[in-house]
N, C-alpha and C. Protein backbone atom coordinates (compact mmCIF):
# COMPACT_ATOMS: atom_id res chain seq x y z
N UNK A 1 13.76 11.70 -30.61
CA UNK A 1 13.94 11.39 -28.95
C UNK A 1 15.14 12.28 -29.04
N UNK A 2 15.29 13.09 -28.31
CA UNK A 2 16.63 13.57 -27.75
C UNK A 2 17.26 13.57 -26.24
N UNK A 3 18.62 13.66 -25.82
CA UNK A 3 18.73 13.94 -24.61
C UNK A 3 19.60 15.12 -24.34
N UNK A 4 18.56 16.07 -24.04
CA UNK A 4 18.93 17.11 -23.29
C UNK A 4 19.24 17.30 -21.42
N UNK A 5 20.87 17.45 -22.04
CA UNK A 5 21.69 17.12 -20.39
C UNK A 5 21.28 19.10 -19.96
N UNK A 6 21.43 19.27 -18.65
CA UNK A 6 21.41 20.43 -18.09
C UNK A 6 22.96 20.29 -17.34
N UNK A 7 23.82 21.06 -17.66
CA UNK A 7 25.46 20.51 -17.05
C UNK A 7 25.55 21.12 -15.90
N UNK A 8 26.37 20.81 -14.79
CA UNK A 8 26.76 21.39 -14.06
C UNK A 8 26.90 23.10 -13.58
N UNK A 9 27.22 23.81 -14.64
CA UNK A 9 27.98 24.95 -15.19
C UNK A 9 26.35 25.26 -15.32
N UNK A 10 25.53 25.24 -15.92
CA UNK A 10 23.67 25.35 -16.17
C UNK A 10 23.91 26.06 -17.83
N UNK A 11 24.92 25.33 -18.49
CA UNK A 11 23.97 25.43 -20.05
C UNK A 11 23.81 23.89 -20.37
N UNK A 12 23.04 23.82 -21.81
CA UNK A 12 22.93 22.57 -22.27
C UNK A 12 23.27 22.70 -23.27
N UNK A 13 23.28 21.28 -23.38
CA UNK A 13 23.17 20.68 -24.78
C UNK A 13 22.72 19.65 -24.63
N UNK A 14 22.89 19.30 -26.15
CA UNK A 14 21.72 17.45 -26.42
C UNK A 14 22.49 16.98 -27.74
N UNK A 15 22.36 15.88 -26.92
CA UNK A 15 22.58 13.77 -26.77
C UNK A 15 21.85 13.93 -28.15
N UNK A 16 22.40 12.87 -29.52
CA UNK A 16 21.54 12.45 -29.70
C UNK A 16 21.02 10.92 -29.37
N UNK A 17 20.46 10.45 -30.20
CA UNK A 17 19.63 9.25 -29.61
C UNK A 17 20.75 7.99 -29.83
N UNK A 18 20.99 8.37 -30.70
CA UNK A 18 22.15 6.85 -30.99
C UNK A 18 22.97 6.85 -29.97
N UNK A 19 23.55 8.14 -28.95
CA UNK A 19 24.59 7.41 -27.85
C UNK A 19 23.64 6.85 -26.58
N UNK A 20 22.46 6.79 -26.80
CA UNK A 20 21.41 6.34 -25.61
C UNK A 20 22.05 4.68 -25.49
N UNK A 21 22.53 4.47 -24.85
CA UNK A 21 22.50 3.06 -24.42
C UNK A 21 21.34 1.91 -23.41
N UNK A 22 20.49 1.29 -24.27
CA UNK A 22 19.35 1.00 -23.52
C UNK A 22 19.15 -0.33 -23.09
N UNK A 23 20.16 -1.39 -23.97
CA UNK A 23 20.18 -2.53 -23.18
C UNK A 23 21.01 -2.79 -22.50
N UNK A 24 21.84 -2.73 -21.88
CA UNK A 24 23.03 -2.39 -20.77
C UNK A 24 24.41 -3.09 -21.47
N UNK A 25 24.47 -3.32 -22.78
CA UNK A 25 25.57 -3.60 -23.60
C UNK A 25 27.05 -3.13 -23.12
N UNK A 26 28.16 -4.37 -23.33
CA UNK A 26 29.84 -3.86 -23.51
C UNK A 26 29.61 -2.80 -24.56
N UNK A 27 30.52 -1.51 -24.46
CA UNK A 27 31.15 -0.50 -24.60
C UNK A 27 31.93 -0.99 -25.57
N UNK A 28 32.14 -1.32 -26.68
CA UNK A 28 34.11 -1.20 -27.13
C UNK A 28 34.25 0.00 -27.72
N UNK A 29 35.27 0.65 -27.36
CA UNK A 29 35.68 1.33 -27.37
C UNK A 29 36.08 1.95 -29.04
N UNK A 30 36.33 3.21 -30.01
CA UNK A 30 36.71 3.63 -31.10
C UNK A 30 37.84 3.86 -31.12
N UNK A 31 38.49 3.33 -32.26
CA UNK A 31 40.32 3.51 -32.24
C UNK A 31 40.35 5.38 -32.40
N UNK A 32 39.35 5.74 -32.08
CA UNK A 32 40.11 7.41 -32.33
C UNK A 32 40.08 7.85 -30.51
N UNK A 33 39.40 7.00 -29.88
CA UNK A 33 39.05 7.46 -28.48
C UNK A 33 40.26 6.76 -27.43
N UNK A 34 40.82 7.66 -26.57
CA UNK A 34 42.16 7.33 -25.77
C UNK A 34 41.54 7.30 -24.24
N UNK A 35 40.53 7.63 -24.29
CA UNK A 35 39.84 6.99 -22.68
C UNK A 35 38.49 7.82 -22.36
N UNK A 36 38.16 7.50 -21.45
CA UNK A 36 36.81 8.18 -21.44
C UNK A 36 36.08 8.97 -20.01
N UNK A 37 35.99 9.93 -19.91
CA UNK A 37 35.31 10.58 -17.87
C UNK A 37 33.77 9.85 -17.77
N UNK A 38 33.16 10.37 -17.02
CA UNK A 38 31.73 10.60 -16.91
C UNK A 38 31.39 10.96 -15.68
N UNK A 39 30.02 11.25 -15.94
CA UNK A 39 29.16 12.71 -15.40
C UNK A 39 28.12 11.41 -14.76
N UNK A 40 27.56 11.48 -13.58
CA UNK A 40 26.27 10.68 -12.82
C UNK A 40 25.41 11.74 -13.34
N UNK A 41 24.47 11.28 -13.43
CA UNK A 41 22.82 11.94 -13.79
C UNK A 41 21.85 11.54 -13.51
N UNK A 42 20.73 12.55 -13.00
CA UNK A 42 19.66 11.70 -12.81
C UNK A 42 18.85 12.66 -14.13
N UNK A 43 17.82 11.97 -14.53
CA UNK A 43 17.26 11.90 -15.49
C UNK A 43 15.78 11.48 -15.29
N UNK A 44 14.98 12.41 -16.59
CA UNK A 44 13.16 12.26 -15.93
C UNK A 44 12.84 11.78 -18.15
N UNK A 45 11.77 11.68 -17.56
CA UNK A 45 11.36 11.49 -19.01
C UNK A 45 9.68 12.00 -19.31
N UNK A 46 10.12 13.18 -20.28
CA UNK A 46 8.62 13.78 -20.38
C UNK A 46 8.03 13.58 -21.08
N UNK A 47 6.88 13.45 -20.60
CA UNK A 47 5.61 13.35 -20.68
C UNK A 47 4.33 13.78 -21.73
N UNK A 48 4.49 15.07 -22.05
CA UNK A 48 4.39 16.63 -22.68
C UNK A 48 5.28 17.28 -23.31
N UNK A 49 4.85 17.59 -24.03
CA UNK A 49 5.66 18.79 -24.61
C UNK A 49 4.89 19.98 -24.10
N UNK A 50 6.27 20.29 -24.68
CA UNK A 50 6.52 21.99 -24.09
C UNK A 50 7.63 22.88 -24.57
N UNK A 51 7.13 24.13 -24.96
CA UNK A 51 8.78 25.13 -24.68
C UNK A 51 8.31 26.63 -23.74
N UNK A 52 9.47 26.79 -22.70
CA UNK A 52 9.58 28.13 -22.06
C UNK A 52 8.44 27.55 -20.60
N UNK A 53 8.39 26.25 -20.38
CA UNK A 53 8.22 25.93 -19.20
C UNK A 53 8.25 26.30 -17.40
N UNK A 54 7.31 27.18 -17.36
CA UNK A 54 7.54 27.93 -15.84
C UNK A 54 7.94 26.62 -14.92
N UNK A 55 8.56 26.38 -13.73
CA UNK A 55 9.43 25.97 -13.03
C UNK A 55 7.73 25.57 -12.35
N UNK A 56 6.89 26.36 -11.57
CA UNK A 56 5.65 25.90 -11.07
C UNK A 56 4.96 25.29 -11.70
N UNK A 57 4.60 24.69 -13.16
CA UNK A 57 3.83 23.66 -13.97
C UNK A 57 5.19 22.93 -14.28
N UNK A 58 6.36 22.85 -14.06
CA UNK A 58 7.18 21.85 -14.21
C UNK A 58 6.61 20.40 -14.22
N UNK A 59 5.90 20.19 -13.13
CA UNK A 59 5.98 18.58 -13.03
C UNK A 59 4.81 18.02 -13.69
N UNK A 60 4.31 18.82 -14.13
CA UNK A 60 3.00 18.08 -15.52
C UNK A 60 3.88 17.80 -16.67
N UNK A 61 5.13 17.77 -16.26
CA UNK A 61 5.47 17.46 -17.84
C UNK A 61 6.42 16.40 -17.75
N UNK A 62 6.55 15.86 -16.96
CA UNK A 62 7.28 14.14 -16.41
C UNK A 62 6.42 13.76 -15.35
N UNK A 63 6.85 12.67 -16.27
CA UNK A 63 6.18 11.61 -15.53
C UNK A 63 6.86 10.37 -14.60
N UNK A 64 8.57 9.96 -14.53
CA UNK A 64 9.02 9.50 -14.16
C UNK A 64 10.53 9.42 -13.86
N UNK A 65 11.40 8.77 -13.23
CA UNK A 65 12.72 9.62 -13.36
C UNK A 65 14.06 8.21 -12.81
N UNK A 66 15.56 8.04 -13.17
CA UNK A 66 16.40 7.18 -12.61
C UNK A 66 17.32 7.57 -12.60
N UNK A 67 18.85 7.26 -12.34
CA UNK A 67 19.59 7.60 -12.24
C UNK A 67 20.40 7.37 -13.49
N UNK A 68 21.39 7.76 -14.21
CA UNK A 68 22.36 7.08 -15.37
C UNK A 68 23.96 7.80 -15.04
N UNK A 69 24.42 7.45 -15.81
CA UNK A 69 25.78 7.92 -16.45
C UNK A 69 26.07 8.30 -18.02
N UNK A 70 26.79 9.95 -17.78
CA UNK A 70 26.71 10.26 -19.66
C UNK A 70 28.52 9.64 -19.45
N UNK A 71 28.96 9.64 -20.48
CA UNK A 71 30.08 8.98 -20.38
C UNK A 71 30.94 10.07 -21.79
N UNK A 72 31.64 10.42 -21.91
CA UNK A 72 32.31 11.87 -23.01
C UNK A 72 33.99 10.59 -23.26
N UNK A 73 33.71 11.03 -24.46
CA UNK A 73 35.35 9.91 -24.83
C UNK A 73 36.55 11.06 -25.35
N UNK A 74 37.19 10.99 -24.17
CA UNK A 74 38.19 12.14 -24.88
C UNK A 74 38.96 11.35 -26.13
N UNK A 75 39.52 11.81 -27.06
CA UNK A 75 39.95 11.32 -28.19
C UNK A 75 41.17 11.76 -28.36
N UNK A 76 41.73 10.96 -29.39
CA UNK A 76 43.69 10.67 -29.44
C UNK A 76 43.87 11.94 -30.59
N UNK A 77 45.28 12.21 -30.41
CA UNK A 77 45.77 13.06 -31.27
C UNK A 77 45.48 14.34 -30.81
N UNK A 78 45.04 14.74 -30.07
CA UNK A 78 44.23 16.28 -29.50
C UNK A 78 45.42 17.04 -28.51
N UNK A 79 45.51 17.84 -28.76
CA UNK A 79 46.26 18.71 -27.60
C UNK A 79 46.39 19.57 -26.46
N UNK A 80 46.67 19.91 -25.86
CA UNK A 80 46.19 20.68 -24.46
C UNK A 80 45.17 20.08 -23.63
N UNK A 81 44.00 20.62 -23.91
CA UNK A 81 42.80 20.07 -23.16
C UNK A 81 42.12 18.96 -23.62
N UNK A 82 42.45 19.10 -24.86
CA UNK A 82 41.96 17.87 -25.86
C UNK A 82 40.20 18.01 -26.45
N UNK A 83 40.27 16.79 -27.62
CA UNK A 83 38.88 17.21 -28.00
C UNK A 83 38.34 15.62 -27.29
N UNK A 84 36.74 16.37 -26.28
CA UNK A 84 36.16 15.13 -25.75
C UNK A 84 34.68 14.89 -26.82
N UNK A 85 34.09 13.81 -27.03
CA UNK A 85 32.97 14.15 -27.49
C UNK A 85 32.20 13.29 -26.77
N UNK A 86 30.79 14.37 -26.86
CA UNK A 86 30.09 13.89 -26.68
C UNK A 86 28.76 12.96 -26.56
N UNK A 87 28.77 12.88 -28.01
CA UNK A 87 27.81 11.75 -28.93
C UNK A 87 28.18 10.43 -29.38
N UNK A 88 29.30 9.94 -29.10
CA UNK A 88 29.38 8.52 -28.40
C UNK A 88 28.59 7.57 -29.09
N UNK A 89 28.17 6.38 -29.78
CA UNK A 89 27.83 5.91 -29.40
C UNK A 89 27.33 5.08 -28.44
N UNK A 90 26.25 4.46 -28.06
CA UNK A 90 25.87 4.29 -26.51
C UNK A 90 26.82 4.74 -25.32
N UNK A 91 26.72 6.18 -25.77
CA UNK A 91 27.46 7.34 -24.01
C UNK A 91 26.96 7.30 -23.39
N UNK A 92 25.34 6.89 -23.75
CA UNK A 92 24.67 7.50 -22.11
C UNK A 92 23.92 6.24 -21.97
N UNK A 93 24.45 6.02 -20.42
CA UNK A 93 24.04 5.06 -19.98
C UNK A 93 22.72 5.75 -19.22
N UNK A 94 21.53 5.08 -19.30
CA UNK A 94 20.55 5.33 -18.57
C UNK A 94 19.49 4.58 -18.57
N UNK A 95 19.73 4.14 -17.95
CA UNK A 95 18.72 2.32 -17.59
C UNK A 95 17.05 2.80 -17.71
N UNK A 96 16.50 1.53 -17.84
CA UNK A 96 14.68 1.02 -17.66
C UNK A 96 14.76 0.10 -16.65
N UNK A 97 14.20 0.50 -15.97
CA UNK A 97 12.93 0.91 -15.21
C UNK A 97 12.85 1.69 -15.36
N UNK A 98 11.84 2.84 -15.20
CA UNK A 98 11.49 3.86 -14.39
C UNK A 98 11.38 4.17 -13.53
N UNK A 99 11.49 5.17 -11.91
CA UNK A 99 10.89 5.45 -10.47
C UNK A 99 9.69 6.58 -11.01
N UNK A 100 8.74 6.34 -10.41
CA UNK A 100 7.49 7.63 -10.40
C UNK A 100 7.85 8.32 -9.27
N UNK A 101 7.78 9.31 -9.68
CA UNK A 101 8.76 11.31 -8.76
C UNK A 101 8.94 11.33 -8.16
N UNK A 102 7.47 10.18 -7.10
CA UNK A 102 7.17 10.14 -5.36
C UNK A 102 8.37 9.52 -4.67
N UNK A 103 8.88 8.67 -5.60
CA UNK A 103 10.43 8.54 -4.45
C UNK A 103 11.45 9.08 -4.56
N UNK A 104 11.61 10.27 -5.63
CA UNK A 104 12.47 11.39 -5.21
C UNK A 104 12.25 12.17 -3.95
N UNK A 105 11.43 12.12 -3.29
CA UNK A 105 10.85 12.56 -2.35
C UNK A 105 11.40 11.67 -0.74
N UNK A 106 11.51 10.09 -1.01
CA UNK A 106 11.92 9.31 0.09
C UNK A 106 13.56 9.63 0.28
N UNK A 107 13.45 9.63 2.12
CA UNK A 107 14.36 10.39 2.34
C UNK A 107 16.00 9.37 2.06
N UNK A 108 15.68 8.12 1.88
CA UNK A 108 16.04 6.95 2.18
C UNK A 108 17.14 6.39 0.72
N UNK A 109 16.83 7.37 -0.56
CA UNK A 109 17.43 7.36 -1.88
C UNK A 109 18.67 7.31 -1.63
N UNK A 110 19.44 6.19 -2.60
CA UNK A 110 21.13 6.08 -2.41
C UNK A 110 21.34 5.89 -3.84
N UNK A 111 22.23 6.61 -4.76
CA UNK A 111 22.39 6.52 -5.72
C UNK A 111 24.11 5.74 -5.86
N UNK A 112 24.44 4.81 -6.04
CA UNK A 112 25.65 4.84 -6.65
C UNK A 112 26.75 3.92 -7.39
N UNK A 113 27.94 4.14 -7.72
CA UNK A 113 28.30 3.69 -8.73
C UNK A 113 29.86 2.95 -8.57
N UNK A 114 29.89 2.17 -9.22
CA UNK A 114 31.11 1.07 -8.49
C UNK A 114 32.19 1.20 -9.89
N UNK A 115 33.22 1.10 -9.89
CA UNK A 115 34.13 0.61 -11.28
C UNK A 115 35.04 -0.28 -10.63
N UNK A 116 35.13 -1.25 -11.12
CA UNK A 116 35.63 -2.36 -11.28
C UNK A 116 35.79 -2.64 -9.93
N UNK A 117 34.32 -2.39 -9.12
CA UNK A 117 33.96 -3.50 -7.78
C UNK A 117 34.13 -2.46 -6.47
N UNK A 118 34.56 -1.10 -7.17
CA UNK A 118 35.17 0.09 -5.68
C UNK A 118 34.31 1.22 -5.53
N UNK A 119 33.39 1.66 -5.08
CA UNK A 119 32.57 2.65 -4.59
C UNK A 119 33.43 3.61 -5.20
N UNK A 120 32.87 4.84 -6.43
CA UNK A 120 33.66 5.61 -6.44
C UNK A 120 32.65 6.83 -6.67
N UNK A 121 31.73 6.74 -6.40
CA UNK A 121 30.24 7.66 -6.44
C UNK A 121 29.24 7.40 -5.66
N UNK A 122 29.19 8.47 -4.57
CA UNK A 122 27.50 7.45 -4.01
C UNK A 122 26.66 9.33 -3.80
N UNK A 123 25.36 8.74 -4.25
CA UNK A 123 25.09 10.54 -3.77
C UNK A 123 23.44 10.17 -3.06
N UNK A 124 23.05 10.67 -2.52
CA UNK A 124 21.33 11.24 -2.30
C UNK A 124 21.00 12.00 -1.59
N UNK A 125 20.94 13.08 -2.79
CA UNK A 125 20.35 14.62 -2.72
C UNK A 125 19.57 14.07 -4.15
N UNK A 126 18.95 15.35 -4.22
CA UNK A 126 17.78 15.11 -5.71
C UNK A 126 16.69 14.95 -4.80
N UNK A 127 15.49 16.11 -5.57
CA UNK A 127 14.31 16.10 -5.35
C UNK A 127 13.58 16.81 -6.33
N UNK A 128 12.29 17.28 -6.38
CA UNK A 128 11.42 17.07 -7.04
C UNK A 128 11.45 18.50 -7.81
N UNK A 129 12.06 19.85 -6.58
CA UNK A 129 12.13 20.80 -6.48
C UNK A 129 13.61 21.20 -8.30
N UNK A 130 14.42 19.91 -7.86
CA UNK A 130 15.60 19.94 -9.10
C UNK A 130 15.21 19.78 -9.96
N UNK A 131 14.53 18.91 -10.37
CA UNK A 131 13.81 18.98 -11.19
C UNK A 131 12.78 19.81 -12.24
N UNK A 132 12.40 20.76 -11.41
CA UNK A 132 11.55 21.41 -11.98
C UNK A 132 12.48 22.22 -12.58
N UNK A 133 13.14 22.68 -12.00
CA UNK A 133 13.95 24.01 -11.87
C UNK A 133 15.30 24.02 -13.27
N UNK A 134 15.57 22.52 -13.45
CA UNK A 134 15.91 22.19 -15.03
C UNK A 134 15.42 21.78 -15.93
N UNK A 135 13.71 21.35 -15.34
CA UNK A 135 13.26 21.62 -16.74
C UNK A 135 13.23 22.94 -17.04
N UNK A 136 12.47 23.86 -16.41
CA UNK A 136 12.55 25.68 -16.75
C UNK A 136 13.57 25.65 -18.15
N UNK A 137 14.59 25.38 -17.14
CA UNK A 137 15.96 25.94 -17.71
C UNK A 137 16.35 25.86 -19.06
N UNK A 138 15.80 24.22 -18.65
CA UNK A 138 16.83 23.64 -20.56
C UNK A 138 15.64 24.69 -21.42
N UNK A 139 13.93 24.30 -21.04
CA UNK A 139 13.23 24.53 -22.19
C UNK A 139 12.24 25.65 -22.70
N UNK A 140 13.65 26.44 -21.56
CA UNK A 140 13.92 28.06 -22.20
C UNK A 140 14.65 27.73 -23.73
N UNK A 141 15.18 27.05 -24.16
CA UNK A 141 16.08 26.68 -24.82
C UNK A 141 16.26 26.21 -26.16
N UNK A 142 15.18 25.30 -25.35
CA UNK A 142 15.37 23.82 -26.27
C UNK A 142 13.08 23.40 -25.93
N UNK A 143 12.71 23.52 -27.31
CA UNK A 143 11.30 22.57 -27.54
C UNK A 143 11.79 21.39 -26.97
N UNK A 144 10.80 20.68 -25.60
CA UNK A 144 10.75 19.28 -25.28
C UNK A 144 9.81 18.42 -26.15
N UNK A 145 9.66 17.28 -26.37
CA UNK A 145 8.75 16.26 -27.37
C UNK A 145 8.79 15.31 -25.92
N UNK A 146 7.62 14.81 -26.46
CA UNK A 146 6.85 13.55 -25.48
C UNK A 146 8.21 12.59 -25.65
N UNK A 147 8.56 12.16 -24.76
CA UNK A 147 9.73 10.55 -24.88
C UNK A 147 11.00 11.42 -24.79
N UNK A 148 11.29 12.38 -24.94
CA UNK A 148 12.82 13.12 -24.55
C UNK A 148 13.16 12.69 -23.15
N UNK A 149 14.37 13.03 -22.99
CA UNK A 149 15.05 12.62 -21.89
C UNK A 149 15.59 13.85 -21.57
N UNK A 150 15.16 14.59 -20.25
CA UNK A 150 15.97 15.50 -19.60
C UNK A 150 17.26 14.78 -18.49
N UNK A 151 18.30 15.42 -18.54
CA UNK A 151 19.13 14.60 -17.40
C UNK A 151 20.21 15.93 -17.44
N UNK A 152 20.03 15.93 -15.52
CA UNK A 152 20.65 16.73 -14.63
C UNK A 152 22.03 15.79 -14.13
N UNK A 153 23.22 16.88 -14.53
CA UNK A 153 24.78 16.20 -13.96
C UNK A 153 24.77 16.66 -12.64
N UNK A 154 24.81 15.51 -11.71
CA UNK A 154 25.01 15.80 -10.45
C UNK A 154 26.82 16.03 -9.83
N UNK A 155 27.42 15.83 -11.06
CA UNK A 155 29.13 16.20 -10.39
C UNK A 155 29.43 16.71 -11.68
N UNK A 156 30.79 17.18 -11.82
CA UNK A 156 31.86 17.73 -13.02
C UNK A 156 32.07 16.30 -13.35
N UNK A 157 32.61 16.01 -14.48
CA UNK A 157 33.08 15.15 -15.89
C UNK A 157 34.40 14.99 -14.64
N UNK A 158 34.46 12.98 -14.31
CA UNK A 158 35.47 13.18 -13.82
C UNK A 158 36.17 11.83 -15.29
N UNK A 159 37.68 11.69 -14.83
CA UNK A 159 38.50 10.61 -15.43
C UNK A 159 37.86 9.69 -15.06
N UNK A 160 37.58 8.45 -16.32
CA UNK A 160 36.96 6.81 -15.80
C UNK A 160 38.15 5.72 -16.18
N UNK A 161 38.33 5.87 -17.13
CA UNK A 161 39.75 4.85 -17.85
C UNK A 161 40.47 5.65 -19.07
N UNK A 162 41.05 4.88 -19.58
CA UNK A 162 42.09 5.17 -20.49
C UNK A 162 42.04 3.89 -21.31
N UNK A 163 42.93 3.91 -22.61
CA UNK A 163 43.62 3.09 -23.08
C UNK A 163 44.24 2.22 -22.49
N UNK A 164 44.81 2.52 -22.13
CA UNK A 164 45.99 1.39 -21.19
C UNK A 164 45.58 0.04 -20.29
N UNK A 165 43.84 0.52 -20.10
CA UNK A 165 42.94 -0.56 -19.57
C UNK A 165 42.62 -1.20 -20.01
N UNK A 166 42.22 -2.56 -20.35
CA UNK A 166 42.09 -3.39 -21.75
C UNK A 166 40.64 -3.62 -21.48
N UNK A 167 39.74 -3.31 -19.89
CA UNK A 167 38.30 -3.75 -19.99
C UNK A 167 38.15 -2.82 -18.50
N UNK A 168 37.09 -2.32 -18.38
CA UNK A 168 36.61 -2.09 -17.26
C UNK A 168 35.53 -2.02 -16.93
N UNK A 169 34.92 -2.14 -15.35
CA UNK A 169 33.45 -2.75 -15.18
C UNK A 169 32.91 -1.56 -14.78
N UNK A 170 31.46 -1.68 -14.98
CA UNK A 170 30.54 0.58 -14.39
C UNK A 170 29.86 -0.86 -13.83
N UNK A 171 29.32 -0.13 -12.71
CA UNK A 171 28.11 -0.54 -12.23
C UNK A 171 27.83 0.58 -11.50
N UNK A 172 25.98 0.25 -11.84
CA UNK A 172 25.24 1.77 -10.66
C UNK A 172 24.17 0.81 -9.92
N UNK A 173 23.93 0.87 -8.79
CA UNK A 173 22.73 0.88 -8.16
C UNK A 173 22.11 2.00 -7.42
N UNK A 174 20.71 2.03 -7.42
CA UNK A 174 19.53 2.53 -6.65
C UNK A 174 18.97 1.89 -5.62
N UNK A 175 18.69 2.48 -4.69
CA UNK A 175 17.93 1.90 -3.70
C UNK A 175 18.05 0.64 -3.01
N UNK A 176 19.46 0.39 -3.27
CA UNK A 176 20.18 -1.40 -3.15
C UNK A 176 19.76 -2.21 -4.22
N UNK A 177 19.51 -1.49 -5.32
CA UNK A 177 19.45 -2.71 -6.33
C UNK A 177 20.38 -2.08 -7.98
N UNK A 178 20.44 -3.02 -8.63
CA UNK A 178 21.39 -2.76 -9.70
C UNK A 178 20.37 -2.61 -10.69
N UNK A 179 20.97 -1.09 -11.12
CA UNK A 179 20.28 -0.46 -12.70
C UNK A 179 20.67 -0.42 -13.85
N UNK A 180 22.22 -0.19 -13.85
CA UNK A 180 22.81 -0.66 -14.77
C UNK A 180 24.42 -1.19 -14.29
N UNK A 181 24.79 -2.17 -15.67
CA UNK A 181 26.40 -2.90 -15.37
C UNK A 181 26.80 -3.31 -17.10
N UNK A 182 27.69 -2.26 -16.94
CA UNK A 182 28.05 -2.68 -18.47
C UNK A 182 30.25 -2.63 -18.16
N UNK A 183 30.59 -3.24 -19.58
CA UNK A 183 31.90 -3.08 -19.26
C UNK A 183 32.30 -2.09 -20.59
N UNK A 184 33.36 -1.52 -20.25
CA UNK A 184 34.09 -0.68 -21.42
C UNK A 184 35.34 -1.44 -22.07
N UNK A 185 35.63 -1.96 -23.00
CA UNK A 185 36.15 -2.50 -23.62
C UNK A 185 37.58 -1.51 -25.17
N UNK A 186 38.44 -2.12 -24.62
CA UNK A 186 39.82 -1.31 -25.42
C UNK A 186 40.06 -1.92 -26.42
């Protein structure tokens, strides 16, 4: 199972399945991590294998969606922009259960992220056309298999926390329901 990410810059990155946090557990930062950055995502589950999928037929290749967050670790001892790791364990917060794709067309859908109880991100966009375009773009480069996840970045990567903070709380809600709640502990 792969997590295929279509970035805001329209490139494709694959995260390993070990990066997937399925159980809403707290994240204990490794010694080499000096901080985290985050990117909110809309993700879909692939239900049919394919390669070079046409945007016109992409709706046949996914059966459910949700919103989540991808974390990237800033590593210690790096100069300049530093080194950022996209594949740390439990750094892909992609919650279940998933929603039927018809919900994407609901005009009242709102995805929000809270950091330590304060809202830091809000999104009420996203539609099936955006998902189908992303599936077509990534499947031109990567074969998609049943069970893979295609995640679409909704904004540029932003700073989330640093080692100077001992613990932070990260919470996401969609349609007024909590979809994930996790802590990052240094």
